[in-house]
Amino acid sequence: MKTSMLVLFIVGGAALLAGCQFPHSTDNVMTVAAPLDEPSWIRDGEPIVYDNLKWYPTREIERFMDNEVYQVGEYRSVVFFLDKADVKPFERLYTRFAKGRYRAFERRE
């Protein structure tokens, strides 16, 4: 009786887990699909024009709390920000990439 209950428990648990989906792994590297939240013009490296200067996207993503940046404009339907601690001449602009994450933009001479 105890053995048959144990077998039912194991088989039932395996059946429940069979319906669950886990992130798949390829060559011991976990892959999880992430949606792209940025417009293609940013991913293509096109600049934001602000203060008569061109600001180009970098690969750097910085973490800020929302109260550490302030909105200074909008370019091609994308809001951009400055670090509250920065002063003119500004070092970087930022666009919001995800919650608490901002893509850095820098000037090019």
PDB file of N, CA and C in Angstrom:
ATOM      1  N   MET A   1       0.818  -1.192   0.000  1.00  0.00           N
ATOM      2  CA  MET A   1       0.000   0.000   0.000  1.00  0.00           C
ATOM      3  C   MET A   1       0.863   1.258   0.000  1.00  0.00           C
ATOM      4  N   LYS A   2       1.890   1.279   0.885  1.00  0.00           N
ATOM      5  CA  LYS A   2       2.766   2.446   0.952  1.00  0.00           C
ATOM      6  C   LYS A   2       3.553   2.603  -0.343  1.00  0.00           C
ATOM      7  N   THR A   3       3.976   1.492  -0.931  1.00  0.00           N
ATOM      8  CA  THR A   3       4.740   1.544  -2.165  1.00  0.00           C
ATOM      9  C   THR A   3       3.880   2.077  -3.303  1.00  0.00           C
ATOM     10  N   SER A   4       2.650   1.643  -3.402  1.00  0.00           N
ATOM     11  CA  SER A   4       1.778   2.120  -4.484  1.00  0.00           C
ATOM     12  C   SER A   4       1.450   3.599  -4.304  1.00  0.00           C
ATOM     13  N   MET A   5       1.300   4.070  -3.059  1.00  0.00           N
ATOM     14  CA  MET A   5       1.057   5.495  -2.807  1.00  0.00           C
ATOM     15  C   MET A   5       2.276   6.322  -3.218  1.00  0.00           C
ATOM     16  N   LEU A   6       3.477   5.814  -2.928  1.00  0.00           N
ATOM     17  CA  LEU A   6       4.710   6.504  -3.286  1.00  0.00           C
ATOM     18  C   LEU A   6       4.844   6.599  -4.810  1.00  0.00           C
ATOM     19  N   VAL A   7       4.537   5.518  -5.513  1.00  0.00           N
ATOM     20  CA  VAL A   7       4.605   5.504  -6.974  1.00  0.00           C
ATOM     21  C   VAL A   7       3.605   6.511  -7.548  1.00  0.00           C
ATOM     22  N   LEU A   8       2.388   6.541  -7.035  1.00  0.00           N
ATOM     23  CA  LEU A   8       1.388   7.500  -7.497  1.00  0.00           C
ATOM     24  C   LEU A   8       1.847   8.928  -7.248  1.00  0.00           C
ATOM     25  N   PHE A   9       2.454   9.187  -6.114  1.00  0.00           N
ATOM     26  CA  PHE A   9       2.939  10.520  -5.778  1.00  0.00           C
ATOM     27  C   PHE A   9       4.031  10.961  -6.758  1.00  0.00           C
ATOM     28  N   ILE A  10       4.973  10.072  -7.051  1.00  0.00           N
ATOM     29  CA  ILE A  10       6.075  10.388  -7.966  1.00  0.00           C
ATOM     30  C   ILE A  10       5.558  10.593  -9.382  1.00  0.00           C
ATOM     31  N   VAL A  11       4.677   9.703  -9.846  1.00  0.00           N
ATOM     32  CA  VAL A  11       4.129   9.815 -11.198  1.00  0.00           C
ATOM     33  C   VAL A  11       3.271  11.073 -11.314  1.00  0.00           C
ATOM     34  N   GLY A  12       2.467  11.362 -10.308  1.00  0.00           N
ATOM     35  CA  GLY A  12       1.620  12.561 -10.320  1.00  0.00           C
ATOM     36  C   GLY A  12       2.455  13.829 -10.332  1.00  0.00           C
ATOM     37  N   GLY A  13       3.533  13.856  -9.535  1.00  0.00           N
ATOM     38  CA  GLY A  13       4.424  15.020  -9.513  1.00  0.00           C
ATOM     39  C   GLY A  13       5.107  15.228 -10.846  1.00  0.00           C
ATOM     40  N   ALA A  14       5.538  14.145 -11.471  1.00  0.00           N
ATOM     41  CA  ALA A  14       6.183  14.243 -12.782  1.00  0.00           C
ATOM     42  C   ALA A  14       5.205  14.755 -13.832  1.00  0.00           C
ATOM     43  N   ALA A  15       3.957  14.328 -13.739  1.00  0.00           N
ATOM     44  CA  ALA A  15       2.938  14.787 -14.695  1.00  0.00           C
ATOM     45  C   ALA A  15       2.684  16.276 -14.518  1.00  0.00           C
ATOM     46  N   LEU A  16       2.675  16.755 -13.289  1.00  0.00           N
ATOM     47  CA  LEU A  16       2.477  18.185 -13.057  1.00  0.00           C
ATOM     48  C   LEU A  16       3.643  18.997 -13.595  1.00  0.00           C
ATOM     49  N   LEU A  17       4.858  18.537 -13.375  1.00  0.00           N
ATOM     50  CA  LEU A  17       6.032  19.256 -13.853  1.00  0.00           C
ATOM     51  C   LEU A  17       6.165  19.225 -15.357  1.00  0.00           C
ATOM     52  N   ALA A  18       5.613  18.222 -15.997  1.00  0.00           N
ATOM     53  CA  ALA A  18       5.707  18.115 -17.449  1.00  0.00           C
ATOM     54  C   ALA A  18       5.021  19.290 -18.131  1.00  0.00           C
ATOM     55  N   GLY A  19       4.024  19.872 -17.498  1.00  0.00           N
ATOM     56  CA  GLY A  19       3.316  21.003 -18.087  1.00  0.00           C
ATOM     57  C   GLY A  19       4.000  22.338 -17.842  1.00  0.00           C
ATOM     58  N   CYS A  20       4.984  22.398 -16.954  1.00  0.00           N
ATOM     59  CA  CYS A  20       5.673  23.645 -16.636  1.00  0.00           C
ATOM     60  C   CYS A  20       6.734  23.935 -17.683  1.00  0.00           C
ATOM     61  N   GLN A  21       6.968  25.206 -17.925  1.00  0.00           N
ATOM     62  CA  GLN A  21       8.028  25.593 -18.853  1.00  0.00           C
ATOM     63  C   GLN A  21       9.123  26.293 -18.078  1.00  0.00           C
ATOM     64  N   PHE A  22      10.349  25.912 -18.348  1.00  0.00           N
ATOM     65  CA  PHE A  22      11.503  26.531 -17.740  1.00  0.00           C
ATOM     66  C   PHE A  22      12.316  27.182 -18.850  1.00  0.00           C
ATOM     67  N   PRO A  23      13.104  28.237 -18.528  1.00  0.00           N
ATOM     68  CA  PRO A  23      13.971  28.802 -19.569  1.00  0.00           C
ATOM     69  C   PRO A  23      14.871  27.701 -20.121  1.00  0.00           C
ATOM     70  N   HIS A  24      15.011  27.671 -21.452  1.00  0.00           N
ATOM     71  CA  HIS A  24      15.810  26.615 -22.041  1.00  0.00           C
ATOM     72  C   HIS A  24      17.290  26.990 -22.025  1.00  0.00           C
ATOM     73  N   SER A  25      18.107  25.979 -22.065  1.00  0.00           N
ATOM     74  CA  SER A  25      19.546  26.176 -21.982  1.00  0.00           C
ATOM     75  C   SER A  25      20.210  25.560 -23.201  1.00  0.00           C
ATOM     76  N   THR A  26      21.178  26.271 -23.754  1.00  0.00           N
ATOM     77  CA  THR A  26      21.951  25.771 -24.870  1.00  0.00           C
ATOM     78  C   THR A  26      23.419  25.887 -24.494  1.00  0.00           C
ATOM     79  N   ASP A  27      24.129  24.795 -24.500  1.00  0.00           N
ATOM     80  CA  ASP A  27      25.548  24.782 -24.133  1.00  0.00           C
ATOM     81  C   ASP A  27      25.781  25.447 -22.781  1.00  0.00           C
ATOM     82  N   ASN A  28      24.929  25.140 -21.815  1.00  0.00           N
ATOM     83  CA  ASN A  28      25.031  25.672 -20.460  1.00  0.00           C
ATOM     84  C   ASN A  28      24.891  27.190 -20.374  1.00  0.00           C
ATOM     85  N   VAL A  29      24.307  27.821 -21.392  1.00  0.00           N
ATOM     86  CA  VAL A  29      24.051  29.258 -21.377  1.00  0.00           C
ATOM     87  C   VAL A  29      22.548  29.448 -21.392  1.00  0.00           C
ATOM     88  N   MET A  30      22.032  30.093 -20.365  1.00  0.00           N
ATOM     89  CA  MET A  30      20.582  30.301 -20.295  1.00  0.00           C
ATOM     90  C   MET A  30      20.179  31.413 -21.259  1.00  0.00           C
ATOM     91  N   THR A  31      19.140  31.181 -22.028  1.00  0.00           N
ATOM     92  CA  THR A  31      18.637  32.191 -22.944  1.00  0.00           C
ATOM     93  C   THR A  31      17.203  32.518 -22.572  1.00  0.00           C
ATOM     94  N   VAL A  32      16.927  33.793 -22.486  1.00  0.00           N
ATOM     95  CA  VAL A  32      15.585  34.266 -22.192  1.00  0.00           C
ATOM     96  C   VAL A  32      15.279  35.379 -23.184  1.00  0.00           C
ATOM     97  N   ALA A  33      14.185  35.274 -23.870  1.00  0.00           N
ATOM     98  CA  ALA A  33      13.818  36.291 -24.849  1.00  0.00           C
ATOM     99  C   ALA A  33      13.442  37.583 -24.140  1.00  0.00           C
ATOM    100  N   ALA A  34      13.953  38.700 -24.634  1.00  0.00           N
ATOM    101  CA  ALA A  34      13.649  40.010 -24.058  1.00  0.00           C
ATOM    102  C   ALA A  34      13.155  40.920 -25.177  1.00  0.00           C
ATOM    103  N   PRO A  35      12.059  41.607 -24.953  1.00  0.00           N
ATOM    104  CA  PRO A  35      11.552  42.504 -25.986  1.00  0.00           C
ATOM    105  C   PRO A  35      12.441  43.737 -26.123  1.00  0.00           C
ATOM    106  N   LEU A  36      12.520  44.275 -27.318  1.00  0.00           N
ATOM    107  CA  LEU A  36      13.270  45.501 -27.542  1.00  0.00           C
ATOM    108  C   LEU A  36      12.339  46.676 -27.295  1.00  0.00           C
ATOM    109  N   ASP A  37      12.729  47.526 -26.347  1.00  0.00           N
ATOM    110  CA  ASP A  37      11.880  48.658 -25.987  1.00  0.00           C
ATOM    111  C   ASP A  37      12.358  49.962 -26.609  1.00  0.00           C
ATOM    112  N   GLU A  38      13.436  49.930 -27.344  1.00  0.00           N
ATOM    113  CA  GLU A  38      13.973  51.147 -27.928  1.00  0.00           C
ATOM    114  C   GLU A  38      13.604  51.233 -29.403  1.00  0.00           C
ATOM    115  N   PRO A  39      13.416  52.441 -29.900  1.00  0.00           N
ATOM    116  CA  PRO A  39      13.154  52.583 -31.331  1.00  0.00           C
ATOM    117  C   PRO A  39      14.383  52.192 -32.152  1.00  0.00           C
ATOM    118  N   SER A  40      14.149  51.822 -33.390  1.00  0.00           N
ATOM    119  CA  SER A  40      15.248  51.362 -34.244  1.00  0.00           C
ATOM    120  C   SER A  40      16.280  52.459 -34.486  1.00  0.00           C
ATOM    121  N   TRP A  41      15.877  53.726 -34.515  1.00  0.00           N
ATOM    122  CA  TRP A  41      16.853  54.784 -34.787  1.00  0.00           C
ATOM    123  C   TRP A  41      17.913  54.868 -33.680  1.00  0.00           C
ATOM    124  N   ILE A  42      17.557  54.521 -32.439  1.00  0.00           N
ATOM    125  CA  ILE A  42      18.557  54.482 -31.367  1.00  0.00           C
ATOM    126  C   ILE A  42      19.461  53.277 -31.565  1.00  0.00           C
ATOM    127  N   ARG A  43      18.883  52.115 -31.826  1.00  0.00           N
ATOM    128  CA  ARG A  43      19.683  50.906 -32.036  1.00  0.00           C
ATOM    129  C   ARG A  43      20.596  51.038 -33.255  1.00  0.00           C
ATOM    130  N   ASP A  44      20.187  51.879 -34.230  1.00  0.00           N
ATOM    131  CA  ASP A  44      21.003  52.105 -35.428  1.00  0.00           C
ATOM    132  C   ASP A  44      22.084  53.169 -35.215  1.00  0.00           C
ATOM    133  N   GLY A  45      22.142  53.751 -34.011  1.00  0.00           N
ATOM    134  CA  GLY A  45      23.204  54.710 -33.690  1.00  0.00           C
ATOM    135  C   GLY A  45      22.949  56.133 -34.116  1.00  0.00           C
ATOM    136  N   GLU A  46      21.698  56.481 -34.430  1.00  0.00           N
ATOM    137  CA  GLU A  46      21.397  57.848 -34.839  1.00  0.00           C
ATOM    138  C   GLU A  46      21.352  58.761 -33.614  1.00  0.00           C
ATOM    139  N   PRO A  47      21.751  60.027 -33.774  1.00  0.00           N
ATOM    140  CA  PRO A  47      21.870  60.920 -32.623  1.00  0.00           C
ATOM    141  C   PRO A  47      20.563  61.614 -32.236  1.00  0.00           C
ATOM    142  N   ILE A  48      20.583  62.127 -31.007  1.00  0.00           N
ATOM    143  CA  ILE A  48      19.581  63.085 -30.534  1.00  0.00           C
ATOM    144  C   ILE A  48      20.187  64.464 -30.753  1.00  0.00           C
ATOM    145  N   VAL A  49      19.424  65.397 -31.275  1.00  0.00           N
ATOM    146  CA  VAL A  49      19.900  66.769 -31.420  1.00  0.00           C
ATOM    147  C   VAL A  49      19.318  67.570 -30.258  1.00  0.00           C
ATOM    148  N   TYR A  50      20.220  68.098 -29.408  1.00  0.00           N
ATOM    149  CA  TYR A  50      19.811  68.876 -28.235  1.00  0.00           C
ATOM    150  C   TYR A  50      20.856  69.957 -27.983  1.00  0.00           C
ATOM    151  N   ASP A  51      20.416  71.154 -27.735  1.00  0.00           N
ATOM    152  CA  ASP A  51      21.299  72.280 -27.438  1.00  0.00           C
ATOM    153  C   ASP A  51      22.273  72.525 -28.600  1.00  0.00           C
ATOM    154  N   ASN A  52      21.766  72.356 -29.829  1.00  0.00           N
ATOM    155  CA  ASN A  52      22.538  72.519 -31.067  1.00  0.00           C
ATOM    156  C   ASN A  52      23.726  71.560 -31.164  1.00  0.00           C
ATOM    157  N   LEU A  53      23.669  70.451 -30.482  1.00  0.00           N
ATOM    158  CA  LEU A  53      24.721  69.428 -30.524  1.00  0.00           C
ATOM    159  C   LEU A  53      24.100  68.080 -30.850  1.00  0.00           C
ATOM    160  N   LYS A  54      24.919  67.192 -31.419  1.00  0.00           N
ATOM    161  CA  LYS A  54      24.473  65.824 -31.689  1.00  0.00           C
ATOM    162  C   LYS A  54      24.993  64.916 -30.578  1.00  0.00           C
ATOM    163  N   TRP A  55      24.060  64.146 -30.000  1.00  0.00           N
ATOM    164  CA  TRP A  55      24.364  63.227 -28.904  1.00  0.00           C
ATOM    165  C   TRP A  55      24.109  61.817 -29.405  1.00  0.00           C
ATOM    166  N   TYR A  56      25.157  60.982 -29.436  1.00  0.00           N
ATOM    167  CA  TYR A  56      25.069  59.647 -29.999  1.00  0.00           C
ATOM    168  C   TYR A  56      24.897  58.586 -28.906  1.00  0.00           C
ATOM    169  N   PRO A  57      24.080  57.558 -29.183  1.00  0.00           N
ATOM    170  CA  PRO A  57      23.884  56.507 -28.183  1.00  0.00           C
ATOM    171  C   PRO A  57      25.170  55.704 -27.965  1.00  0.00           C
ATOM    172  N   THR A  58      25.378  55.309 -26.726  1.00  0.00           N
ATOM    173  CA  THR A  58      26.505  54.439 -26.386  1.00  0.00           C
ATOM    174  C   THR A  58      25.947  53.062 -26.034  1.00  0.00           C
ATOM    175  N   ARG A  59      26.831  52.131 -25.766  1.00  0.00           N
ATOM    176  CA  ARG A  59      26.398  50.800 -25.326  1.00  0.00           C
ATOM    177  C   ARG A  59      26.162  50.767 -23.824  1.00  0.00           C
ATOM    178  N   GLU A  60      26.466  51.852 -23.156  1.00  0.00           N
ATOM    179  CA  GLU A  60      26.384  51.880 -21.704  1.00  0.00           C
ATOM    180  C   GLU A  60      24.948  52.117 -21.229  1.00  0.00           C
ATOM    181  N   ILE A  61      24.534  51.264 -20.314  1.00  0.00           N
ATOM    182  CA  ILE A  61      23.233  51.400 -19.654  1.00  0.00           C
ATOM    183  C   ILE A  61      23.528  51.693 -18.190  1.00  0.00           C
ATOM    184  N   GLU A  62      23.006  52.801 -17.689  1.00  0.00           N
ATOM    185  CA  GLU A  62      23.260  53.185 -16.302  1.00  0.00           C
ATOM    186  C   GLU A  62      21.989  53.036 -15.484  1.00  0.00           C
ATOM    187  N   ARG A  63      22.192  52.808 -14.210  1.00  0.00           N
ATOM    188  CA  ARG A  63      21.058  52.680 -13.288  1.00  0.00           C
ATOM    189  C   ARG A  63      20.862  54.000 -12.562  1.00  0.00           C
ATOM    190  N   PHE A  64      19.636  54.505 -12.631  1.00  0.00           N
ATOM    191  CA  PHE A  64      19.241  55.695 -11.891  1.00  0.00           C
ATOM    192  C   PHE A  64      17.886  55.440 -11.256  1.00  0.00           C
ATOM    193  N   MET A  65      17.667  56.021 -10.103  1.00  0.00           N
ATOM    194  CA  MET A  65      16.312  56.086  -9.572  1.00  0.00           C
ATOM    195  C   MET A  65      15.646  57.247 -10.290  1.00  0.00           C
ATOM    196  N   ASP A  66      14.336  57.210 -10.416  1.00  0.00           N
ATOM    197  CA  ASP A  66      13.634  58.241 -11.174  1.00  0.00           C
ATOM    198  C   ASP A  66      13.877  59.642 -10.626  1.00  0.00           C
ATOM    199  N   ASN A  67      14.138  59.768  -9.331  1.00  0.00           N
ATOM    200  CA  ASN A  67      14.364  61.098  -8.758  1.00  0.00           C
ATOM    201  C   ASN A  67      15.804  61.584  -8.938  1.00  0.00           C
ATOM    202  N   GLU A  68      16.659  60.815  -9.609  1.00  0.00           N
ATOM    203  CA  GLU A  68      18.044  61.210  -9.856  1.00  0.00           C
ATOM    204  C   GLU A  68      18.246  61.820 -11.240  1.00  0.00           C
ATOM    205  N   VAL A  69      17.210  61.812 -12.071  1.00  0.00           N
ATOM    206  CA  VAL A  69      17.270  62.410 -13.405  1.00  0.00           C
ATOM    207  C   VAL A  69      16.073  63.334 -13.581  1.00  0.00           C
ATOM    208  N   TYR A  70      16.201  64.262 -14.542  1.00  0.00           N
ATOM    209  CA  TYR A  70      15.043  65.090 -14.870  1.00  0.00           C
ATOM    210  C   TYR A  70      14.917  65.221 -16.376  1.00  0.00           C
ATOM    211  N   GLN A  71      13.678  65.296 -16.809  1.00  0.00           N
ATOM    212  CA  GLN A  71      13.368  65.351 -18.237  1.00  0.00           C
ATOM    213  C   GLN A  71      13.720  66.728 -18.785  1.00  0.00           C
ATOM    214  N   VAL A  72      14.456  66.751 -19.907  1.00  0.00           N
ATOM    215  CA  VAL A  72      14.825  68.020 -20.527  1.00  0.00           C
ATOM    216  C   VAL A  72      14.272  68.173 -21.930  1.00  0.00           C
ATOM    217  N   GLY A  73      13.739  67.118 -22.501  1.00  0.00           N
ATOM    218  CA  GLY A  73      13.199  67.247 -23.846  1.00  0.00           C
ATOM    219  C   GLY A  73      12.649  65.954 -24.385  1.00  0.00           C
ATOM    220  N   GLU A  74      12.221  66.058 -25.644  1.00  0.00           N
ATOM    221  CA  GLU A  74      11.701  64.908 -26.369  1.00  0.00           C
ATOM    222  C   GLU A  74      12.206  65.020 -27.797  1.00  0.00           C
ATOM    223  N   TYR A  75      12.708  63.916 -28.336  1.00  0.00           N
ATOM    224  CA  TYR A  75      13.236  63.898 -29.686  1.00  0.00           C
ATOM    225  C   TYR A  75      12.706  62.667 -30.391  1.00  0.00           C
ATOM    226  N   ARG A  76      12.040  62.861 -31.510  1.00  0.00           N
ATOM    227  CA  ARG A  76      11.453  61.768 -32.296  1.00  0.00           C
ATOM    228  C   ARG A  76      10.616  60.851 -31.402  1.00  0.00           C
ATOM    229  N   SER A  77       9.789  61.461 -30.595  1.00  0.00           N
ATOM    230  CA  SER A  77       8.853  60.773 -29.691  1.00  0.00           C
ATOM    231  C   SER A  77       9.534  60.002 -28.560  1.00  0.00           C
ATOM    232  N   VAL A  78      10.800  60.300 -28.281  1.00  0.00           N
ATOM    233  CA  VAL A  78      11.514  59.670 -27.171  1.00  0.00           C
ATOM    234  C   VAL A  78      11.912  60.753 -26.177  1.00  0.00           C
ATOM    235  N   VAL A  79      11.497  60.588 -24.947  1.00  0.00           N
ATOM    236  CA  VAL A  79      11.836  61.529 -23.882  1.00  0.00           C
ATOM    237  C   VAL A  79      13.286  61.296 -23.478  1.00  0.00           C
ATOM    238  N   PHE A  80      14.031  62.398 -23.241  1.00  0.00           N
ATOM    239  CA  PHE A  80      15.407  62.232 -22.774  1.00  0.00           C
ATOM    240  C   PHE A  80      15.639  63.064 -21.519  1.00  0.00           C
ATOM    241  N   PHE A  81      16.685  62.658 -20.795  1.00  0.00           N
ATOM    242  CA  PHE A  81      16.904  63.146 -19.440  1.00  0.00           C
ATOM    243  C   PHE A  81      18.353  63.580 -19.236  1.00  0.00           C
ATOM    244  N   LEU A  82      18.567  64.347 -18.158  1.00  0.00           N
ATOM    245  CA  LEU A  82      19.897  64.676 -17.660  1.00  0.00           C
ATOM    246  C   LEU A  82      20.016  64.162 -16.237  1.00  0.00           C
ATOM    247  N   ASP A  83      21.234  63.845 -15.847  1.00  0.00           N
ATOM    248  CA  ASP A  83      21.528  63.502 -14.463  1.00  0.00           C
ATOM    249  C   ASP A  83      21.400  64.793 -13.647  1.00  0.00           C
ATOM    250  N   LYS A  84      20.669  64.763 -12.540  1.00  0.00           N
ATOM    251  CA  LYS A  84      20.471  65.972 -11.730  1.00  0.00           C
ATOM    252  C   LYS A  84      21.779  66.541 -11.200  1.00  0.00           C
ATOM    253  N   ALA A  85      22.804  65.705 -11.076  1.00  0.00           N
ATOM    254  CA  ALA A  85      24.084  66.167 -10.551  1.00  0.00           C
ATOM    255  C   ALA A  85      24.971  66.806 -11.624  1.00  0.00           C
ATOM    256  N   ASP A  86      24.593  66.705 -12.905  1.00  0.00           N
ATOM    257  CA  ASP A  86      25.414  67.230 -14.001  1.00  0.00           C
ATOM    258  C   ASP A  86      25.140  68.725 -14.196  1.00  0.00           C
ATOM    259  N   VAL A  87      26.158  69.453 -14.652  1.00  0.00           N
ATOM    260  CA  VAL A  87      26.032  70.879 -14.967  1.00  0.00           C
ATOM    261  C   VAL A  87      26.589  71.116 -16.366  1.00  0.00           C
ATOM    262  N   LYS A  88      26.242  72.282 -16.962  1.00  0.00           N
ATOM    263  CA  LYS A  88      26.732  72.625 -18.299  1.00  0.00           C
ATOM    264  C   LYS A  88      28.229  72.823 -18.282  1.00  0.00           C
ATOM    265  N   PRO A  89      28.954  72.393 -19.260  1.00  0.00           N
ATOM    266  CA  PRO A  89      28.526  71.612 -20.415  1.00  0.00           C
ATOM    267  C   PRO A  89      28.244  70.167 -19.999  1.00  0.00           C
ATOM    268  N   PHE A  90      27.059  69.699 -20.318  1.00  0.00           N
ATOM    269  CA  PHE A  90      26.616  68.379 -19.883  1.00  0.00           C
ATOM    270  C   PHE A  90      27.502  67.281 -20.466  1.00  0.00           C
ATOM    271  N   GLU A  91      27.723  66.263 -19.656  1.00  0.00           N
ATOM    272  CA  GLU A  91      28.558  65.144 -20.090  1.00  0.00           C
ATOM    273  C   GLU A  91      27.753  64.131 -20.894  1.00  0.00           C
ATOM    274  N   ARG A  92      26.521  63.856 -20.442  1.00  0.00           N
ATOM    275  CA  ARG A  92      25.697  62.831 -21.089  1.00  0.00           C
ATOM    276  C   ARG A  92      24.228  63.193 -21.040  1.00  0.00           C
ATOM    277  N   LEU A  93      23.497  62.646 -22.014  1.00  0.00           N
ATOM    278  CA  LEU A  93      22.037  62.614 -21.994  1.00  0.00           C
ATOM    279  C   LEU A  93      21.655  61.158 -21.804  1.00  0.00           C
ATOM    280  N   TYR A  94      20.395  60.930 -21.424  1.00  0.00           N
ATOM    281  CA  TYR A  94      19.927  59.558 -21.201  1.00  0.00           C
ATOM    282  C   TYR A  94      18.514  59.387 -21.741  1.00  0.00           C
ATOM    283  N   THR A  95      18.250  58.202 -22.280  1.00  0.00           N
ATOM    284  CA  THR A  95      16.885  57.807 -22.586  1.00  0.00           C
ATOM    285  C   THR A  95      16.563  56.625 -21.684  1.00  0.00           C
ATOM    286  N   ARG A  96      15.310  56.525 -21.313  1.00  0.00           N
ATOM    287  CA  ARG A  96      14.912  55.433 -20.431  1.00  0.00           C
ATOM    288  C   ARG A  96      14.819  54.146 -21.239  1.00  0.00           C
ATOM    289  N   PHE A  97      15.578  53.149 -20.815  1.00  0.00           N
ATOM    290  CA  PHE A  97      15.644  51.869 -21.510  1.00  0.00           C
ATOM    291  C   PHE A  97      14.663  50.883 -20.893  1.00  0.00           C
ATOM    292  N   ALA A  98      14.585  50.875 -19.581  1.00  0.00           N
ATOM    293  CA  ALA A  98      13.691  50.020 -18.809  1.00  0.00           C
ATOM    294  C   ALA A  98      13.577  50.662 -17.430  1.00  0.00           C
ATOM    295  N   LYS A  99      12.787  50.096 -16.565  1.00  0.00           N
ATOM    296  CA  LYS A  99      12.619  50.680 -15.241  1.00  0.00           C
ATOM    297  C   LYS A  99      13.967  50.791 -14.523  1.00  0.00           C
ATOM    298  N   GLY A 100      14.347  52.024 -14.190  1.00  0.00           N
ATOM    299  CA  GLY A 100      15.591  52.259 -13.485  1.00  0.00           C
ATOM    300  C   GLY A 100      16.844  52.145 -14.339  1.00  0.00           C
ATOM    301  N   ARG A 101      16.688  51.933 -15.642  1.00  0.00           N
ATOM    302  CA  ARG A 101      17.840  51.765 -16.528  1.00  0.00           C
ATOM    303  C   ARG A 101      17.758  52.778 -17.666  1.00  0.00           C
ATOM    304  N   TYR A 102      18.870  53.449 -17.903  1.00  0.00           N
ATOM    305  CA  TYR A 102      18.923  54.536 -18.874  1.00  0.00           C
ATOM    306  C   TYR A 102      20.119  54.365 -19.810  1.00  0.00           C
ATOM    307  N   ARG A 103      19.873  54.526 -21.113  1.00  0.00           N
ATOM    308  CA  ARG A 103      20.962  54.460 -22.103  1.00  0.00           C
ATOM    309  C   ARG A 103      21.650  55.817 -22.136  1.00  0.00           C
ATOM    310  N   ALA A 104      22.981  55.796 -22.104  1.00  0.00           N
ATOM    311  CA  ALA A 104      23.777  57.022 -22.149  1.00  0.00           C
ATOM    312  C   ALA A 104      23.995  57.464 -23.595  1.00  0.00           C
ATOM    313  N   PHE A 105      23.941  58.778 -23.812  1.00  0.00           N
ATOM    314  CA  PHE A 105      24.253  59.401 -25.101  1.00  0.00           C
ATOM    315  C   PHE A 105      25.380  60.393 -24.852  1.00  0.00           C
ATOM    316  N   GLU A 106      26.365  60.428 -25.758  1.00  0.00           N
ATOM    317  CA  GLU A 106      27.496  61.334 -25.608  1.00  0.00           C
ATOM    318  C   GLU A 106      27.696  62.135 -26.876  1.00  0.00           C
ATOM    319  N   ARG A 107      28.311  63.326 -26.711  1.00  0.00           N
ATOM    320  CA  ARG A 107      28.634  64.168 -27.858  1.00  0.00           C
ATOM    321  C   ARG A 107      29.850  63.625 -28.574  1.00  0.00           C
ATOM    322  N   ARG A 108      29.918  63.941 -29.853  1.00  0.00           N
ATOM    323  CA  ARG A 108      31.109  63.625 -30.654  1.00  0.00           C
ATOM    324  C   ARG A 108      31.605  64.923 -31.256  1.00  0.00           C
ATOM    325  N   GLU A 109      32.885  65.116 -31.211  1.00  0.00           N
ATOM    326  CA  GLU A 109      33.488  66.359 -31.757  1.00  0.00           C
ATOM    327  C   GLU A 109      33.645  66.254 -33.248  1.00  0.00           C
TER     328      GLU A 109
END
